[in-house]
Amino acid sequence: PIGNRLSYLIEPEITGSKLSPKGELGKLIGYNDELRSYRILSDNGLIIDTKSVQFLDHPQNSGNPADDEILTVLDDDSRLNTSPASDPVDVDDYETAIEESSDTDESDSSDSKSDSTTEDESEVANTLVPEPRILRDRTSK
């Protein structure tokens, strides 16, 4: 499983490195399907992709989970609202209120639409007209 301790083989880069250590310890952080290799986080902070891996014995839990494995679920009773609605709303009153608000919205929106379209048209016209450039005679210097 991910997070297990393991040892991995260090490929020697320098010839004549017979006395240098052959492997190091790290933690498994993933598997690369494309390369068919393990992704390892070494103890010195490097991330290494290698196939040469020796898995160490998985430590048995002593009954005490680590702090990062503890999950506490608390019930929040304040979010539950069990009180019934105070007054039921009559459907006829609701429909008339919607009709009145839509009539006022239509008259306001038609005025604002005509103003916004003229502003939009003038803005588009201004952006389409290229700005004039002044050409200087370079030979006068």
C-alpha atoms as a PDB file:
ATOM      1  CA  PRO A   1       0.000   0.000   0.000  1.00  0.00           C
ATOM      2  CA  ILE A   2       0.981   3.612  -0.490  1.00  0.00           C
ATOM      3  CA  GLY A   3       3.002   4.971   2.414  1.00  0.00           C
ATOM      4  CA  ASN A   4       4.866   1.715   3.117  1.00  0.00           C
ATOM      5  CA  ARG A   5       8.560   1.849   3.926  1.00  0.00           C
ATOM      6  CA  LEU A   6      10.863   0.287   1.358  1.00  0.00           C
ATOM      7  CA  SER A   7      14.440   0.211   0.207  1.00  0.00           C
ATOM      8  CA  TYR A   8      15.468   0.968  -3.349  1.00  0.00           C
ATOM      9  CA  LEU A   9      18.609   0.363  -5.351  1.00  0.00           C
ATOM     10  CA  ILE A  10      20.766   3.350  -6.243  1.00  0.00           C
ATOM     11  CA  GLU A  11      22.097   3.132  -9.783  1.00  0.00           C
ATOM     12  CA  PRO A  12      25.771   4.163  -9.646  1.00  0.00           C
ATOM     13  CA  GLU A  13      26.509   7.220 -11.764  1.00  0.00           C
ATOM     14  CA  ILE A  14      30.251   7.376 -11.154  1.00  0.00           C
ATOM     15  CA  THR A  15      32.524   4.500 -12.064  1.00  0.00           C
ATOM     16  CA  GLY A  16      34.580   3.186  -9.194  1.00  0.00           C
ATOM     17  CA  SER A  17      31.890   3.857  -6.608  1.00  0.00           C
ATOM     18  CA  LYS A  18      32.243   0.421  -5.041  1.00  0.00           C
ATOM     19  CA  LEU A  19      32.348   1.749  -1.505  1.00  0.00           C
ATOM     20  CA  SER A  20      29.263   3.972  -1.755  1.00  0.00           C
ATOM     21  CA  PRO A  21      25.963   2.653  -0.387  1.00  0.00           C
ATOM     22  CA  LYS A  22      23.937   0.501  -2.788  1.00  0.00           C
ATOM     23  CA  GLY A  23      20.493   1.499  -1.567  1.00  0.00           C
ATOM     24  CA  GLU A  24      18.464   3.910   0.532  1.00  0.00           C
ATOM     25  CA  LEU A  25      15.180   3.955   2.401  1.00  0.00           C
ATOM     26  CA  GLY A  26      12.017   5.754   1.395  1.00  0.00           C
ATOM     27  CA  LYS A  27       8.219   5.640   1.251  1.00  0.00           C
ATOM     28  CA  LEU A  28       6.054   4.451  -1.614  1.00  0.00           C
ATOM     29  CA  ILE A  29       3.977   7.351  -2.977  1.00  0.00           C
ATOM     30  CA  GLY A  30       2.716   5.915  -6.253  1.00  0.00           C
ATOM     31  CA  TYR A  31       3.088   3.725  -9.309  1.00  0.00           C
ATOM     32  CA  ASN A  32       3.846   4.932 -12.831  1.00  0.00           C
ATOM     33  CA  ASP A  33       1.962   2.753 -15.341  1.00  0.00           C
ATOM     34  CA  GLU A  34       3.743   4.244 -18.330  1.00  0.00           C
ATOM     35  CA  LEU A  35       7.221   3.308 -17.077  1.00  0.00           C
ATOM     36  CA  ARG A  36       6.007   0.379 -14.947  1.00  0.00           C
ATOM     37  CA  SER A  37       8.003   1.726 -12.039  1.00  0.00           C
ATOM     38  CA  TYR A  38       7.419   2.743  -8.452  1.00  0.00           C
ATOM     39  CA  ARG A  39       7.469   6.382  -7.362  1.00  0.00           C
ATOM     40  CA  ILE A  40       9.352   6.749  -4.092  1.00  0.00           C
ATOM     41  CA  LEU A  41       9.869   9.649  -1.686  1.00  0.00           C
ATOM     42  CA  SER A  42      13.355   9.155  -0.290  1.00  0.00           C
ATOM     43  CA  ASP A  43      14.346  10.094   3.236  1.00  0.00           C
ATOM     44  CA  ASN A  44      16.416  12.994   1.902  1.00  0.00           C
ATOM     45  CA  GLY A  45      13.364  14.479   0.100  1.00  0.00           C
ATOM     46  CA  LEU A  46      13.956  13.344  -3.499  1.00  0.00           C
ATOM     47  CA  ILE A  47      11.221  11.748  -5.606  1.00  0.00           C
ATOM     48  CA  ILE A  48      12.582   8.774  -7.529  1.00  0.00           C
ATOM     49  CA  ASP A  49      11.059   6.500 -10.185  1.00  0.00           C
ATOM     50  CA  THR A  50      12.640   3.042 -10.058  1.00  0.00           C
ATOM     51  CA  LYS A  51      11.843  -0.612 -10.625  1.00  0.00           C
ATOM     52  CA  SER A  52      14.455  -1.899  -8.160  1.00  0.00           C
ATOM     53  CA  VAL A  53      12.425  -1.958  -4.947  1.00  0.00           C
ATOM     54  CA  GLN A  54      12.530  -4.158  -1.851  1.00  0.00           C
ATOM     55  CA  PHE A  55       9.424  -3.802   0.337  1.00  0.00           C
ATOM     56  CA  LEU A  56      10.107  -3.842   4.068  1.00  0.00           C
ATOM     57  CA  ASP A  57       7.876  -5.630   6.556  1.00  0.00           C
ATOM     58  CA  HIS A  58       4.625  -3.796   7.123  1.00  0.00           C
ATOM     59  CA  PRO A  59       4.438  -2.816  10.814  1.00  0.00           C
ATOM     60  CA  GLN A  60       1.448  -4.239  12.650  1.00  0.00           C
ATOM     61  CA  ASN A  61      -0.850  -1.730  14.353  1.00  0.00           C
ATOM     62  CA  SER A  62      -0.552  -1.921  18.117  1.00  0.00           C
ATOM     63  CA  GLY A  63      -4.183  -0.935  18.555  1.00  0.00           C
ATOM     64  CA  ASN A  64      -3.323   2.775  18.738  1.00  0.00           C
ATOM     65  CA  PRO A  65      -3.814   4.467  15.368  1.00  0.00           C
ATOM     66  CA  ALA A  66      -1.581   7.390  14.489  1.00  0.00           C
ATOM     67  CA  ASP A  67      -2.911  10.923  14.880  1.00  0.00           C
ATOM     68  CA  ASP A  68      -3.351  11.347  11.131  1.00  0.00           C
ATOM     69  CA  GLU A  69      -5.590   8.282  10.949  1.00  0.00           C
ATOM     70  CA  ILE A  70      -8.098   9.432  13.576  1.00  0.00           C
ATOM     71  CA  LEU A  71     -11.346  10.677  12.097  1.00  0.00           C
ATOM     72  CA  THR A  72     -13.889  12.313  14.360  1.00  0.00           C
ATOM     73  CA  VAL A  73     -17.437  12.833  13.127  1.00  0.00           C
ATOM     74  CA  LEU A  74     -19.557  15.263  15.106  1.00  0.00           C
ATOM     75  CA  ASP A  75     -23.305  15.639  14.701  1.00  0.00           C
ATOM     76  CA  ASP A  76     -24.326  19.242  14.196  1.00  0.00           C
ATOM     77  CA  ASP A  77     -27.879  19.658  15.508  1.00  0.00           C
ATOM     78  CA  SER A  78     -27.962  23.370  14.705  1.00  0.00           C
ATOM     79  CA  ARG A  79     -28.347  22.653  10.977  1.00  0.00           C
ATOM     80  CA  LEU A  80     -31.480  20.608  11.466  1.00  0.00           C
ATOM     81  CA  ASN A  81     -34.643  22.685  11.324  1.00  0.00           C
ATOM     82  CA  THR A  82     -37.606  20.707  12.635  1.00  0.00           C
ATOM     83  CA  SER A  83     -39.990  23.611  13.211  1.00  0.00           C
ATOM     84  CA  PRO A  84     -43.018  23.631  10.867  1.00  0.00           C
ATOM     85  CA  ALA A  85     -43.785  26.585   8.612  1.00  0.00           C
ATOM     86  CA  SER A  86     -45.612  29.305  10.520  1.00  0.00           C
ATOM     87  CA  ASP A  87     -48.223  30.397   7.965  1.00  0.00           C
ATOM     88  CA  PRO A  88     -49.106  28.594   4.742  1.00  0.00           C
ATOM     89  CA  VAL A  89     -49.037  30.861   1.684  1.00  0.00           C
ATOM     90  CA  ASP A  90     -52.190  31.054  -0.423  1.00  0.00           C
ATOM     91  CA  VAL A  91     -51.475  30.179  -4.065  1.00  0.00           C
ATOM     92  CA  ASP A  92     -53.673  32.999  -5.457  1.00  0.00           C
ATOM     93  CA  ASP A  93     -51.805  35.653  -3.444  1.00  0.00           C
ATOM     94  CA  TYR A  94     -48.489  34.276  -4.676  1.00  0.00           C
ATOM     95  CA  GLU A  95     -49.543  34.385  -8.355  1.00  0.00           C
ATOM     96  CA  THR A  96     -50.822  37.977  -8.166  1.00  0.00           C
ATOM     97  CA  ALA A  97     -47.617  39.112  -6.472  1.00  0.00           C
ATOM     98  CA  ILE A  98     -45.572  37.557  -9.273  1.00  0.00           C
ATOM     99  CA  GLU A  99     -47.704  39.198 -11.979  1.00  0.00           C
ATOM    100  CA  GLU A 100     -47.369  42.657 -10.380  1.00  0.00           C
ATOM    101  CA  SER A 101     -43.601  42.392 -10.062  1.00  0.00           C
ATOM    102  CA  SER A 102     -43.206  41.143 -13.646  1.00  0.00           C
ATOM    103  CA  ASP A 103     -45.244  44.116 -15.034  1.00  0.00           C
ATOM    104  CA  THR A 104     -42.959  46.662 -13.362  1.00  0.00           C
ATOM    105  CA  ASP A 105     -39.842  44.748 -14.425  1.00  0.00           C
ATOM    106  CA  GLU A 106     -40.913  44.728 -18.089  1.00  0.00           C
ATOM    107  CA  SER A 107     -41.375  48.512 -18.266  1.00  0.00           C
ATOM    108  CA  ASP A 108     -38.030  49.155 -16.544  1.00  0.00           C
ATOM    109  CA  SER A 109     -36.182  46.640 -18.677  1.00  0.00           C
ATOM    110  CA  SER A 110     -37.459  48.051 -21.998  1.00  0.00           C
ATOM    111  CA  ASP A 111     -36.100  51.520 -21.122  1.00  0.00           C
ATOM    112  CA  SER A 112     -32.761  50.144 -19.994  1.00  0.00           C
ATOM    113  CA  LYS A 113     -32.480  47.942 -23.102  1.00  0.00           C
ATOM    114  CA  SER A 114     -32.833  50.896 -25.470  1.00  0.00           C
ATOM    115  CA  ASP A 115     -30.235  52.916 -23.526  1.00  0.00           C
ATOM    116  CA  SER A 116     -27.780  50.045 -23.381  1.00  0.00           C
ATOM    117  CA  THR A 117     -28.106  49.230 -27.095  1.00  0.00           C
ATOM    118  CA  THR A 118     -27.264  52.796 -28.140  1.00  0.00           C
ATOM    119  CA  GLU A 119     -24.282  52.795 -25.772  1.00  0.00           C
ATOM    120  CA  ASP A 120     -23.136  49.433 -27.112  1.00  0.00           C
ATOM    121  CA  GLU A 121     -23.453  50.561 -30.728  1.00  0.00           C
ATOM    122  CA  SER A 122     -21.430  53.718 -30.134  1.00  0.00           C
ATOM    123  CA  GLU A 123     -18.769  51.742 -28.269  1.00  0.00           C
ATOM    124  CA  VAL A 124     -18.468  49.233 -31.111  1.00  0.00           C
ATOM    125  CA  ALA A 125     -18.251  52.026 -33.678  1.00  0.00           C
ATOM    126  CA  ASN A 126     -15.442  53.694 -31.712  1.00  0.00           C
ATOM    127  CA  THR A 127     -13.447  50.485 -31.494  1.00  0.00           C
ATOM    128  CA  LEU A 128     -13.793  49.776 -35.225  1.00  0.00           C
ATOM    129  CA  VAL A 129     -12.336  53.117 -36.298  1.00  0.00           C
ATOM    130  CA  PRO A 130      -8.530  52.857 -36.337  1.00  0.00           C
ATOM    131  CA  GLU A 131      -6.566  55.516 -34.527  1.00  0.00           C
ATOM    132  CA  PRO A 132      -4.601  57.792 -36.865  1.00  0.00           C
ATOM    133  CA  ARG A 133      -0.818  57.504 -36.744  1.00  0.00           C
ATOM    134  CA  ILE A 134       1.624  60.285 -37.401  1.00  0.00           C
ATOM    135  CA  LEU A 135       4.539  59.393 -39.622  1.00  0.00           C
ATOM    136  CA  ARG A 136       7.777  61.243 -39.044  1.00  0.00           C
ATOM    137  CA  ASP A 137      10.474  61.944 -41.518  1.00  0.00           C
ATOM    138  CA  ARG A 138      13.575  60.151 -40.231  1.00  0.00           C
ATOM    139  CA  THR A 139      15.978  61.937 -42.554  1.00  0.00           C
ATOM    140  CA  SER A 140      15.586  65.285 -40.777  1.00  0.00           C
ATOM    141  CA  LYS A 141      17.716  64.179 -37.814  1.00  0.00           C
END
